[in-house]
Amino acid sequence: MSASKQYDFVVVGSGIGGLSSAVMLAKNGYSVLVLEKNHQIGGALQVFSRDKCIFDTGVHYIGGLDEGENLYRMFKYLGIYDGLNLQSLDRDCFDLIRLPNGKSYPHAQGYEAFSSNLIQAFPDEKEAIEAFCVKVQEMCDFFPLYNLEMGDEQTYYNNPEILMLGAWDYVCSITENDDLRNVLLGSGPLYAGDQKSTPFYVVALIMNSYIKGSYRLVDGGSQIAKLLVKELRKHGGEILKRKEVVSANYNEQKEITSVNCSDGTNYAASKFISNMHPTPTINIFGKQNFRPAYRDRIAKLENTVSSFMIYFSLKENSFPYFNYNIYDHYSMDCWNSVNYDANEWPHTLYLCTPASSKSTEYAESLCVMCYMSYEEVKEWENTFNTVLNPSKRDEAYQKFKAEKEQKIVERMELRFPGFSEKIMNIYSSTPLTYKDYIGTPEGSLYGIMKDYNNPIATTINTKTRISNLYLTGQNIIFHGILGATIGAFVTCFNFIDPEETIKKIKEYEK
């Protein structure tokens, strides 16, 4: 089927980066079409329902949403903040870090409370804790758009050396206390913290946002995607689901003229934005159209680890609702749990009780995440299973999942005796699930791994060699809702006035 309409932009993928880019462009008068391969929009914002419980697949809490903070203002500009149903996490403890010895330490919202709580727990480490808080805030100052500024001399691109500071190395330099090291970096699953590669700036940008306003989305994160689509349509934009882009057509000037979908449809535009990981982007838009050096660099980049997610629906009024997250470590080597020993898996569990409009006293459900290497499911990598294209994986795969589920239940029993009796049903997902639905290579949690040893290699530009193809999403600046939203702004600043846009964003103080 030939293209019947010429758009200004076609955006491939409806993750937060793609949708935010589409809304911004539509707000600025461009005609925009978003193409999504799945039956549900939103990428990692997708949810599913079981036993009358709504489960988030990727987004369990968000930072930077206190009044006047960066994501608050960005969401206000995008027109979605007022429609969100938010639950603020406990101010004195939004994250609880639990060590193998059973001791627990809270991460509080606000720097004064964050530092004072930790100093109370580690009175001899006051200097280290205060130095950590100062360093986090100093590091954030090097990222102008993060602070809704255009930037001056103090930027990461004028001072690239700040990208070369390793997070683990820095924390080890300010304290020799193993417990404190693990507490300061105990929320590592937020960014797949790895001793050998994770830069301190990644830790700083993410932790700072949560310290400045941590929230859950009541009844699921899909509301963000729905509100963005509503805003997109309000400004004349369009979105089509079940449209898997498989190839592109070019003119003599080597510009893309249109993209082809697996169902035979074709969509034309002047410019194209890919919200996909760079690897599938290269494959779909044609390897021959990218420089060999660029293809090789992308191919050699390491992606962050994937995860095993287990979703418990719980018996009514049997388990309390926790208005905070728990990072439960079973090894003092918490930042090496990415490279775990399979015989001792899982080393670390992330636990949360999703916020529900039905009850604030008891949890309807419980979500648990732990790292999982793609190698563990590699024997089934040629299988594919989504709601749109269902296919049942074999008995060996089901047995594999059941064994992993049981190991997590055993861990839960150690922390919450009698937990097994409170379970109604168990559901789980593996790296294959994320590969199939989200499209990241090997089901990677957060896309390309940032590496302080070679920061330039892991920096992805929004522009490509193809003059009318641009990139957006979590690989541009950093991952997560905030990171992908900032990445969308960076992409759109190729087409809209940055100074005028930032001026408008900053108007939203309350």
Protein backbone atom coordinates (compact mmCIF):
# COMPACT_ATOMS: atom_id res chain seq x y z
CA MET A 1 0.00 0.00 0.00
CA SER A 2 1.52 3.34 -0.99
CA ALA A 3 1.69 6.35 1.34
CA SER A 4 -1.40 8.56 1.09
CA LYS A 5 -0.25 11.46 3.26
CA GLN A 6 2.99 13.31 3.74
CA TYR A 7 3.80 14.14 7.38
CA ASP A 8 6.42 16.51 8.71
CA PHE A 9 7.56 13.78 11.11
CA VAL A 10 7.09 10.07 11.53
CA VAL A 11 8.15 8.85 15.00
CA VAL A 12 8.96 5.15 15.26
CA GLY A 13 8.10 3.83 18.72
CA SER A 14 5.76 5.15 21.42
CA GLY A 15 8.01 5.00 24.46
CA ILE A 16 8.20 8.08 26.66
CA GLY A 17 10.92 9.57 24.44
CA GLY A 18 8.96 9.06 21.23
CA LEU A 19 5.66 10.32 22.64
CA SER A 20 7.26 13.35 24.31
CA SER A 21 9.04 14.23 21.06
CA ALA A 22 5.79 13.87 19.12
CA VAL A 23 3.86 16.11 21.53
CA MET A 24 6.53 18.81 21.46
CA LEU A 25 6.63 18.85 17.68
CA ALA A 26 2.84 18.87 17.39
CA LYS A 27 2.62 21.73 19.90
CA ASN A 28 4.96 23.66 17.64
CA GLY A 29 2.79 23.23 14.55
CA TYR A 30 4.30 20.17 12.87
CA SER A 31 2.22 17.31 11.52
CA VAL A 32 3.28 14.16 13.36
CA LEU A 33 2.53 10.44 13.11
CA VAL A 34 3.67 7.92 15.73
CA LEU A 35 3.96 4.26 14.72
CA GLU A 36 3.90 1.62 17.47
CA LYS A 37 4.46 -2.09 16.80
CA ASN A 38 2.59 -3.36 19.88
CA HIS A 39 -1.10 -3.37 20.69
CA GLN A 40 -0.34 -1.19 23.74
CA ILE A 41 1.41 2.17 23.63
CA GLY A 42 4.09 3.40 25.99
CA GLY A 43 7.13 1.13 25.77
CA ALA A 44 8.28 0.60 29.38
CA LEU A 45 5.10 2.41 30.50
CA GLN A 46 3.02 -0.60 29.49
CA VAL A 47 0.99 -2.36 32.17
CA PHE A 48 -0.91 -5.63 32.39
CA SER A 49 -3.79 -6.76 34.57
CA ARG A 50 -4.15 -10.03 36.48
CA ASP A 51 -6.53 -10.93 39.31
CA LYS A 52 -7.95 -7.38 39.13
CA CYS A 53 -4.47 -5.99 39.90
CA ILE A 54 -2.60 -3.59 37.62
CA PHE A 55 1.10 -4.36 37.25
CA ASP A 56 3.71 -2.00 35.84
CA THR A 57 6.22 -3.63 33.51
CA GLY A 58 8.95 -1.01 33.77
CA VAL A 59 8.12 2.16 35.68
CA HIS A 60 7.62 1.71 39.42
CA TYR A 61 8.38 5.19 40.72
CA ILE A 62 9.47 8.56 39.37
CA GLY A 63 11.67 11.38 40.68
CA GLY A 64 11.82 15.13 40.11
CA LEU A 65 8.10 15.69 40.57
CA ASP A 66 7.99 18.05 43.55
CA GLU A 67 6.60 21.47 42.61
CA GLY A 68 9.12 23.46 40.60
CA GLU A 69 11.49 20.54 39.98
CA ASN A 70 12.68 19.56 36.50
CA LEU A 71 10.28 16.75 35.55
CA TYR A 72 7.37 18.56 37.20
CA ARG A 73 7.95 21.54 34.88
CA MET A 74 8.54 19.38 31.83
CA PHE A 75 5.32 17.45 32.42
CA LYS A 76 3.52 20.77 32.90
CA TYR A 77 4.87 21.99 29.55
CA LEU A 78 3.84 18.74 27.88
CA GLY A 79 0.33 19.24 29.29
CA ILE A 80 0.11 16.02 31.27
CA TYR A 81 0.99 16.78 34.90
CA ASP A 82 -2.48 17.89 36.03
CA GLY A 83 -4.00 14.64 34.77
CA LEU A 84 -1.64 12.33 36.67
CA ASN A 85 -2.80 10.39 39.72
CA LEU A 86 0.31 10.53 41.91
CA GLN A 87 1.19 9.16 45.33
CA SER A 88 4.12 10.84 47.08
CA LEU A 89 6.40 8.31 48.74
CA ASP A 90 7.26 8.77 52.42
CA ARG A 91 9.33 11.90 52.90
CA ASP A 92 11.54 10.29 55.55
CA CYS A 93 12.06 7.12 53.53
CA PHE A 94 11.40 6.73 49.82
CA ASP A 95 13.99 3.96 49.48
CA LEU A 96 14.98 1.51 52.21
CA ILE A 97 18.38 -0.13 51.79
CA ARG A 98 18.60 -3.48 53.57
CA LEU A 99 21.99 -5.15 54.01
CA PRO A 100 22.75 -8.87 54.51
CA ASN A 101 23.14 -8.36 58.25
CA GLY A 102 19.46 -7.39 58.40
CA LYS A 103 20.09 -3.72 59.16
CA SER A 104 18.02 -1.22 57.16
CA TYR A 105 18.85 2.37 56.24
CA PRO A 106 16.42 4.94 54.78
CA HIS A 107 16.99 7.32 51.88
CA ALA A 108 14.93 10.41 52.71
CA GLN A 109 13.58 13.10 50.41
CA GLY A 110 15.33 16.46 50.65
CA TYR A 111 19.08 16.75 51.12
CA GLU A 112 18.88 17.87 54.74
CA ALA A 113 16.82 14.83 55.73
CA PHE A 114 18.81 12.52 53.43
CA SER A 115 22.13 13.44 55.07
CA SER A 116 20.87 13.76 58.66
CA ASN A 117 19.26 10.30 58.59
CA LEU A 118 22.47 8.71 57.37
CA ILE A 119 24.64 10.68 59.78
CA GLN A 120 22.45 9.44 62.62
CA ALA A 121 23.11 5.86 61.44
CA PHE A 122 26.82 6.50 60.74
CA PRO A 123 27.89 9.26 63.18
CA ASP A 124 31.59 8.73 62.44
CA GLU A 125 31.01 9.20 58.71
CA LYS A 126 29.48 12.70 58.76
CA GLU A 127 32.21 14.15 56.54
CA ALA A 128 31.82 11.41 53.92
CA ILE A 129 28.02 11.68 53.83
CA GLU A 130 28.10 15.45 53.46
CA ALA A 131 30.79 15.18 50.77
CA PHE A 132 28.62 12.70 48.85
CA CYS A 133 25.59 15.03 48.94
CA VAL A 134 27.68 18.00 47.81
CA LYS A 135 29.26 15.98 45.00
CA VAL A 136 25.89 14.76 43.72
CA GLN A 137 24.59 18.32 43.46
CA GLU A 138 27.82 19.65 41.97
CA MET A 139 27.74 16.97 39.30
CA CYS A 140 24.15 17.84 38.34
CA ASP A 141 25.21 21.44 37.73
CA PHE A 142 27.22 20.28 34.69
CA PHE A 143 24.03 19.23 32.87
CA PRO A 144 22.23 22.43 31.84
CA LEU A 145 19.00 21.00 30.44
CA TYR A 146 18.63 18.85 33.55
CA ASN A 147 18.48 22.18 35.40
CA LEU A 148 16.33 23.81 32.69
CA GLU A 149 19.16 26.06 31.56
CA MET A 150 20.85 26.61 28.21
CA GLY A 151 24.30 26.28 29.71
CA ASP A 152 27.50 28.28 29.98
CA GLU A 153 31.11 27.23 30.45
CA GLN A 154 30.25 24.79 33.27
CA THR A 155 28.79 22.01 31.15
CA TYR A 156 29.72 18.39 30.68
CA TYR A 157 30.62 18.99 27.04
CA ASN A 158 33.04 21.78 28.01
CA ASN A 159 34.32 19.71 30.93
CA PRO A 160 34.31 16.12 29.64
CA GLU A 161 36.56 15.00 32.49
CA ILE A 162 33.55 14.91 34.83
CA LEU A 163 32.18 12.03 32.74
CA MET A 164 35.27 10.00 33.63
CA LEU A 165 34.66 9.79 37.36
CA GLY A 166 33.66 6.27 38.40
CA ALA A 167 30.83 6.06 40.94
CA TRP A 168 32.26 3.17 42.92
CA ASP A 169 35.76 4.67 42.88
CA TYR A 170 34.47 7.99 44.17
CA VAL A 171 32.47 6.49 47.03
CA CYS A 172 35.44 4.32 48.02
CA SER A 173 37.59 7.47 48.07
CA ILE A 174 35.42 9.20 50.69
CA THR A 175 34.79 6.29 53.06
CA GLU A 176 36.29 2.94 54.01
CA ASN A 177 33.08 1.86 55.74
CA ASP A 178 31.67 -1.04 53.71
CA ASP A 179 28.17 -0.61 55.11
CA LEU A 180 28.06 3.06 54.15
CA ARG A 181 29.39 2.36 50.67
CA ASN A 182 26.61 -0.14 50.13
CA VAL A 183 23.98 2.20 51.58
CA LEU A 184 25.00 5.20 49.46
CA LEU A 185 24.93 3.05 46.33
CA GLY A 186 22.29 0.60 47.50
CA SER A 187 19.68 1.67 44.94
CA GLY A 188 22.00 0.48 42.16
CA PRO A 189 19.26 -1.46 40.30
CA LEU A 190 17.85 1.96 39.33
CA TYR A 191 20.76 2.30 36.93
CA ALA A 192 22.31 -1.21 36.88
CA GLY A 193 25.28 0.01 38.89
CA ASP A 194 28.52 -1.74 38.00
CA GLN A 195 31.84 -1.17 39.76
CA LYS A 196 33.83 -1.35 36.54
CA SER A 197 31.81 1.05 34.36
CA THR A 198 29.06 3.16 35.96
CA PRO A 199 29.97 6.88 35.96
CA PHE A 200 29.22 8.98 38.99
CA TYR A 201 27.19 11.42 36.90
CA VAL A 202 24.60 8.70 36.20
CA VAL A 203 24.23 8.08 39.93
CA ALA A 204 24.06 11.83 40.61
CA LEU A 205 21.42 12.67 37.99
CA ILE A 206 19.16 9.83 39.07
CA MET A 207 19.58 10.05 42.86
CA ASN A 208 19.17 13.82 42.84
CA SER A 209 15.83 13.54 41.06
CA TYR A 210 14.46 11.07 43.61
CA ILE A 211 15.73 13.11 46.55
CA LYS A 212 13.80 16.02 45.02
CA GLY A 213 10.44 14.35 44.78
CA SER A 214 9.69 10.61 44.62
CA TYR A 215 6.25 9.45 43.51
CA ARG A 216 4.33 6.38 42.47
CA LEU A 217 1.69 6.41 39.77
CA VAL A 218 -1.58 5.23 41.29
CA ASP A 219 -3.06 2.36 39.23
CA GLY A 220 -0.09 2.18 36.88
CA GLY A 221 2.32 4.14 34.71
CA SER A 222 0.30 3.73 31.51
CA GLN A 223 -1.54 6.93 32.46
CA ILE A 224 1.53 8.90 31.32
CA ALA A 225 1.34 7.37 27.85
CA LYS A 226 -2.43 7.87 27.64
CA LEU A 227 -2.15 11.53 28.62
CA LEU A 228 0.64 12.12 26.10
CA VAL A 229 -1.47 10.56 23.34
CA LYS A 230 -4.42 12.73 24.37
CA GLU A 231 -2.18 15.81 24.19
CA LEU A 232 -0.74 14.68 20.86
CA ARG A 233 -4.20 14.36 19.33
CA LYS A 234 -5.24 17.69 20.83
CA HIS A 235 -2.52 19.31 18.70
CA GLY A 236 -3.42 17.38 15.55
CA GLY A 237 -0.94 14.53 15.87
CA GLU A 238 -1.77 10.90 15.09
CA ILE A 239 -0.76 7.52 16.48
CA LEU A 240 -1.22 4.07 15.00
CA LYS A 241 -0.78 0.84 16.93
CA ARG A 242 0.19 -2.56 15.53
CA LYS A 243 2.45 -0.88 12.99
CA GLU A 244 5.84 -2.56 13.02
CA VAL A 245 8.32 -0.62 10.88
CA VAL A 246 10.54 -3.07 9.02
CA SER A 247 12.35 -1.00 6.35
CA ALA A 248 12.71 2.41 4.73
CA ASN A 249 12.70 3.88 1.24
CA TYR A 250 15.22 6.44 0.00
CA ASN A 251 15.54 9.03 -2.78
CA GLU A 252 18.60 9.80 -4.89
CA GLN A 253 19.88 12.23 -2.24
CA LYS A 254 19.93 9.30 0.22
CA GLU A 255 17.14 10.82 2.29
CA ILE A 256 14.37 8.67 3.71
CA THR A 257 11.11 9.21 1.89
CA SER A 258 8.91 6.72 3.74
CA VAL A 259 8.90 3.69 6.03
CA ASN A 260 7.34 0.30 5.38
CA CYS A 261 5.40 -1.69 7.98
CA SER A 262 5.09 -5.46 8.28
CA ASP A 263 1.43 -5.29 7.26
CA GLY A 264 2.32 -3.74 3.89
CA THR A 265 1.43 -0.14 4.76
CA ASN A 266 3.76 2.73 3.97
CA TYR A 267 4.09 6.16 5.63
CA ALA A 268 5.86 9.19 4.16
CA ALA A 269 7.40 12.14 5.96
CA SER A 270 10.02 14.86 5.61
CA LYS A 271 11.84 13.73 8.76
CA PHE A 272 11.95 10.58 10.87
CA ILE A 273 12.68 10.02 14.57
CA SER A 274 13.54 6.61 15.98
CA ASN A 275 12.71 5.94 19.62
CA MET A 276 14.30 2.51 19.26
CA HIS A 277 17.69 1.39 20.49
CA PRO A 278 20.41 2.31 17.94
CA THR A 279 21.02 -1.35 16.99
CA PRO A 280 17.51 -2.15 15.67
CA THR A 281 17.40 1.37 14.21
CA ILE A 282 20.45 0.56 12.08
CA ASN A 283 18.98 -2.78 11.02
CA ILE A 284 15.61 -1.32 10.02
CA PHE A 285 16.89 1.77 8.23
CA GLY A 286 19.59 -0.20 6.40
CA LYS A 287 23.13 -0.97 7.57
CA GLN A 288 24.51 0.27 4.27
CA ASN A 289 23.26 3.78 5.05
CA PHE A 290 25.44 4.14 8.15
CA ARG A 291 29.19 4.52 8.28
CA PRO A 292 31.01 1.24 9.03
CA ALA A 293 32.83 2.92 11.95
CA TYR A 294 29.48 3.96 13.47
CA ARG A 295 27.99 0.49 13.00
CA ASP A 296 31.05 -1.11 14.56
CA ARG A 297 31.01 1.27 17.53
CA ILE A 298 27.33 0.59 18.25
CA ALA A 299 27.84 -3.17 17.83
CA LYS A 300 30.68 -3.18 20.37
CA LEU A 301 28.83 -1.18 23.02
CA GLU A 302 27.74 -3.15 26.05
CA ASN A 303 24.11 -2.96 27.07
CA THR A 304 22.94 -2.89 30.66
CA VAL A 305 21.89 -6.17 32.23
CA SER A 306 18.32 -7.41 31.94
CA SER A 307 16.01 -8.55 34.72
CA PHE A 308 13.69 -11.20 36.01
CA MET A 309 10.42 -9.71 37.26
CA ILE A 310 8.02 -11.53 39.51
CA TYR A 311 4.52 -10.22 40.15
CA PHE A 312 2.53 -11.45 43.15
CA SER A 313 -1.20 -10.91 43.44
CA LEU A 314 -1.97 -11.10 47.15
CA LYS A 315 -4.86 -12.33 49.23
CA GLU A 316 -7.13 -9.56 50.43
CA ASN A 317 -5.88 -7.55 53.43
CA SER A 318 -3.01 -9.97 54.03
CA PHE A 319 0.11 -7.86 53.38
CA PRO A 320 0.74 -4.20 54.33
CA TYR A 321 1.20 -1.47 51.74
CA PHE A 322 4.72 0.02 51.95
CA ASN A 323 4.88 3.65 50.81
CA TYR A 324 8.54 3.22 49.95
CA ASN A 325 10.76 0.86 47.96
CA ILE A 326 13.03 -1.80 49.39
CA TYR A 327 16.45 -2.70 47.99
CA ASP A 328 17.21 -5.98 49.71
CA HIS A 329 20.85 -7.08 49.43
CA TYR A 330 21.99 -10.61 50.25
CA SER A 331 25.65 -9.89 49.51
CA MET A 332 27.90 -7.14 50.84
CA ASP A 333 29.37 -6.95 47.35
CA CYS A 334 26.18 -5.22 46.22
CA TRP A 335 27.66 -3.51 43.16
CA ASN A 336 28.91 -6.78 41.75
CA SER A 337 25.45 -8.34 41.68
CA VAL A 338 25.20 -7.41 37.99
CA ASN A 339 27.84 -10.09 37.42
CA TYR A 340 26.25 -12.57 39.77
CA ASP A 341 27.03 -16.15 40.64
CA ALA A 342 24.09 -18.12 39.22
CA ASN A 343 24.28 -20.60 42.10
CA GLU A 344 23.71 -17.81 44.63
CA TRP A 345 21.10 -15.89 42.63
CA PRO A 346 19.44 -13.56 43.45
CA HIS A 347 21.98 -11.31 45.19
CA THR A 348 19.69 -8.28 45.27
CA LEU A 349 15.93 -7.82 45.17
CA TYR A 350 14.03 -4.62 44.43
CA LEU A 351 10.58 -4.73 46.05
CA CYS A 352 7.62 -2.41 45.75
CA THR A 353 3.93 -2.53 46.57
CA PRO A 354 2.17 -0.70 43.70
CA ALA A 355 -0.09 2.19 44.67
CA SER A 356 -3.76 1.39 44.16
CA SER A 357 -6.84 3.60 44.38
CA LYS A 358 -8.63 0.72 46.13
CA SER A 359 -6.55 0.59 49.31
CA THR A 360 -3.77 2.52 51.04
CA GLU A 361 -3.46 0.25 54.08
CA TYR A 362 -3.00 -3.12 52.40
CA ALA A 363 -1.15 -4.11 49.22
CA GLU A 364 -3.10 -5.76 46.43
CA SER A 365 0.11 -6.89 44.83
CA LEU A 366 3.89 -6.96 45.14
CA CYS A 367 6.50 -6.54 42.40
CA VAL A 368 10.02 -7.91 42.76
CA MET A 369 12.87 -7.29 40.32
CA CYS A 370 16.32 -8.85 40.22
CA TYR A 371 19.11 -8.88 37.67
CA MET A 372 19.15 -11.65 35.12
CA SER A 373 21.75 -12.25 32.44
CA TYR A 374 20.47 -12.85 28.92
CA GLU A 375 22.70 -15.91 28.81
CA GLU A 376 20.28 -17.67 31.16
CA VAL A 377 17.50 -17.55 28.53
CA LYS A 378 19.63 -17.60 25.39
CA GLU A 379 18.50 -21.09 24.39
CA TRP A 380 15.01 -19.68 23.76
CA GLU A 381 16.11 -16.45 22.03
CA ASN A 382 14.60 -17.47 18.68
CA THR A 383 11.14 -17.66 20.21
CA PHE A 384 8.77 -14.69 20.27
CA ASN A 385 5.68 -14.08 22.36
CA THR A 386 3.53 -10.96 22.70
CA VAL A 387 -0.19 -10.33 22.98
CA LEU A 388 -0.20 -9.26 19.33
CA ASN A 389 1.81 -12.27 18.20
CA PRO A 390 1.19 -14.98 20.80
CA SER A 391 3.33 -18.10 20.89
CA LYS A 392 3.79 -20.43 23.84
CA ARG A 393 7.37 -21.20 24.82
CA ASP A 394 8.29 -24.79 25.62
CA GLU A 395 7.99 -26.74 28.84
CA ALA A 396 11.67 -26.30 29.68
CA TYR A 397 11.23 -22.51 29.66
CA GLN A 398 8.20 -22.75 31.94
CA LYS A 399 10.20 -24.99 34.30
CA PHE A 400 13.07 -22.48 34.26
CA LYS A 401 10.70 -19.67 35.25
CA ALA A 402 9.08 -21.74 37.99
CA GLU A 403 12.48 -22.54 39.53
CA LYS A 404 13.43 -18.86 39.55
CA GLU A 405 10.10 -17.92 41.06
CA GLN A 406 10.62 -20.40 43.86
CA LYS A 407 14.06 -18.97 44.69
CA ILE A 408 12.56 -15.51 45.06
CA VAL A 409 9.72 -16.81 47.21
CA GLU A 410 12.34 -18.39 49.46
CA ARG A 411 14.13 -15.04 49.75
CA MET A 412 10.84 -13.35 50.59
CA GLU A 413 10.16 -15.89 53.31
CA LEU A 414 13.47 -14.95 54.98
CA ARG A 415 12.41 -11.30 55.18
CA PHE A 416 8.66 -11.76 55.61
CA PRO A 417 7.97 -15.06 57.42
CA GLY A 418 4.66 -16.55 56.30
CA PHE A 419 4.70 -14.63 53.00
CA SER A 420 3.91 -17.77 50.97
CA GLU A 421 0.52 -18.06 52.65
CA LYS A 422 -0.42 -14.57 51.46
CA ILE A 423 0.13 -15.23 47.74
CA MET A 424 -2.89 -15.57 45.47
CA ASN A 425 -1.02 -16.04 42.18
CA ILE A 426 2.46 -15.62 40.73
CA TYR A 427 3.37 -14.21 37.31
CA SER A 428 6.84 -13.57 35.96
CA SER A 429 8.81 -12.22 33.02
CA THR A 430 12.36 -12.78 31.77
CA PRO A 431 14.79 -10.89 29.51
CA LEU A 432 12.93 -12.45 26.57
CA THR A 433 9.77 -10.62 27.58
CA TYR A 434 11.54 -7.26 27.47
CA LYS A 435 13.23 -8.13 24.19
CA ASP A 436 9.89 -8.97 22.60
CA TYR A 437 7.87 -6.05 23.93
CA ILE A 438 10.37 -3.21 24.27
CA GLY A 439 12.76 -4.21 21.53
CA THR A 440 16.00 -3.60 23.42
CA PRO A 441 18.83 -5.99 22.54
CA GLU A 442 18.92 -8.92 24.95
CA GLY A 443 16.11 -7.35 26.96
CA SER A 444 18.45 -4.72 28.38
CA LEU A 445 16.95 -2.80 31.32
CA TYR A 446 18.32 0.63 30.43
CA GLY A 447 19.82 0.36 26.97
CA ILE A 448 23.45 1.21 26.35
CA MET A 449 25.67 1.08 29.43
CA LYS A 450 27.42 4.35 30.14
CA ASP A 451 31.12 3.77 30.81
CA TYR A 452 33.38 6.20 32.62
CA ASN A 453 36.40 4.48 31.05
CA ASN A 454 35.34 5.60 27.58
CA PRO A 455 32.52 8.16 27.85
CA ILE A 456 32.79 9.36 24.25
CA ALA A 457 32.11 5.88 22.87
CA THR A 458 28.90 5.59 24.89
CA THR A 459 27.64 9.03 23.87
CA ILE A 460 24.85 8.83 21.28
CA ASN A 461 24.12 11.86 19.11
CA THR A 462 20.54 12.66 18.12
CA LYS A 463 21.67 13.19 14.52
CA THR A 464 22.66 10.35 12.22
CA ARG A 465 24.49 10.16 8.92
CA ILE A 466 21.09 9.97 7.22
CA SER A 467 20.24 13.66 6.99
CA ASN A 468 16.56 13.31 7.93
CA LEU A 469 16.81 10.54 10.56
CA TYR A 470 17.14 11.42 14.24
CA LEU A 471 17.33 9.43 17.46
CA THR A 472 15.56 9.93 20.79
CA GLY A 473 14.91 7.94 23.96
CA GLN A 474 16.87 6.61 26.90
CA ASN A 475 20.21 6.26 25.11
CA ILE A 476 20.62 9.98 24.38
CA ILE A 477 21.33 11.41 27.86
CA PHE A 478 20.38 8.81 30.46
CA HIS A 479 17.55 6.37 31.03
CA GLY A 480 14.33 6.44 33.04
CA ILE A 481 11.30 8.68 32.66
CA LEU A 482 13.29 11.82 33.41
CA GLY A 483 16.27 10.85 31.27
CA ALA A 484 14.19 9.86 28.25
CA THR A 485 12.09 13.03 28.55
CA ILE A 486 15.22 15.19 28.60
CA GLY A 487 16.47 13.18 25.62
CA ALA A 488 13.25 14.05 23.78
CA PHE A 489 13.87 17.75 24.36
CA VAL A 490 17.43 17.41 23.07
CA THR A 491 16.13 15.73 19.91
CA CYS A 492 13.41 18.32 19.34
CA PHE A 493 15.81 21.22 19.82
CA ASN A 494 16.98 20.37 16.30
CA PHE A 495 13.61 21.69 15.10
CA ILE A 496 12.20 24.05 17.74
CA ASP A 497 13.72 27.09 19.47
CA PRO A 498 15.59 25.83 22.58
CA GLU A 499 15.70 29.16 24.40
CA GLU A 500 12.02 29.89 23.87
CA THR A 501 11.07 26.35 24.89
CA ILE A 502 13.12 26.42 28.10
CA LYS A 503 11.68 29.83 28.91
CA LYS A 504 8.17 28.37 28.66
CA ILE A 505 9.09 25.33 30.75
CA LYS A 506 10.56 27.47 33.52
CA GLU A 507 7.31 29.41 33.82
CA TYR A 508 5.74 26.40 35.51
CA GLU A 509 6.81 26.97 39.11
CA LYS A 510 3.59 25.60 40.62
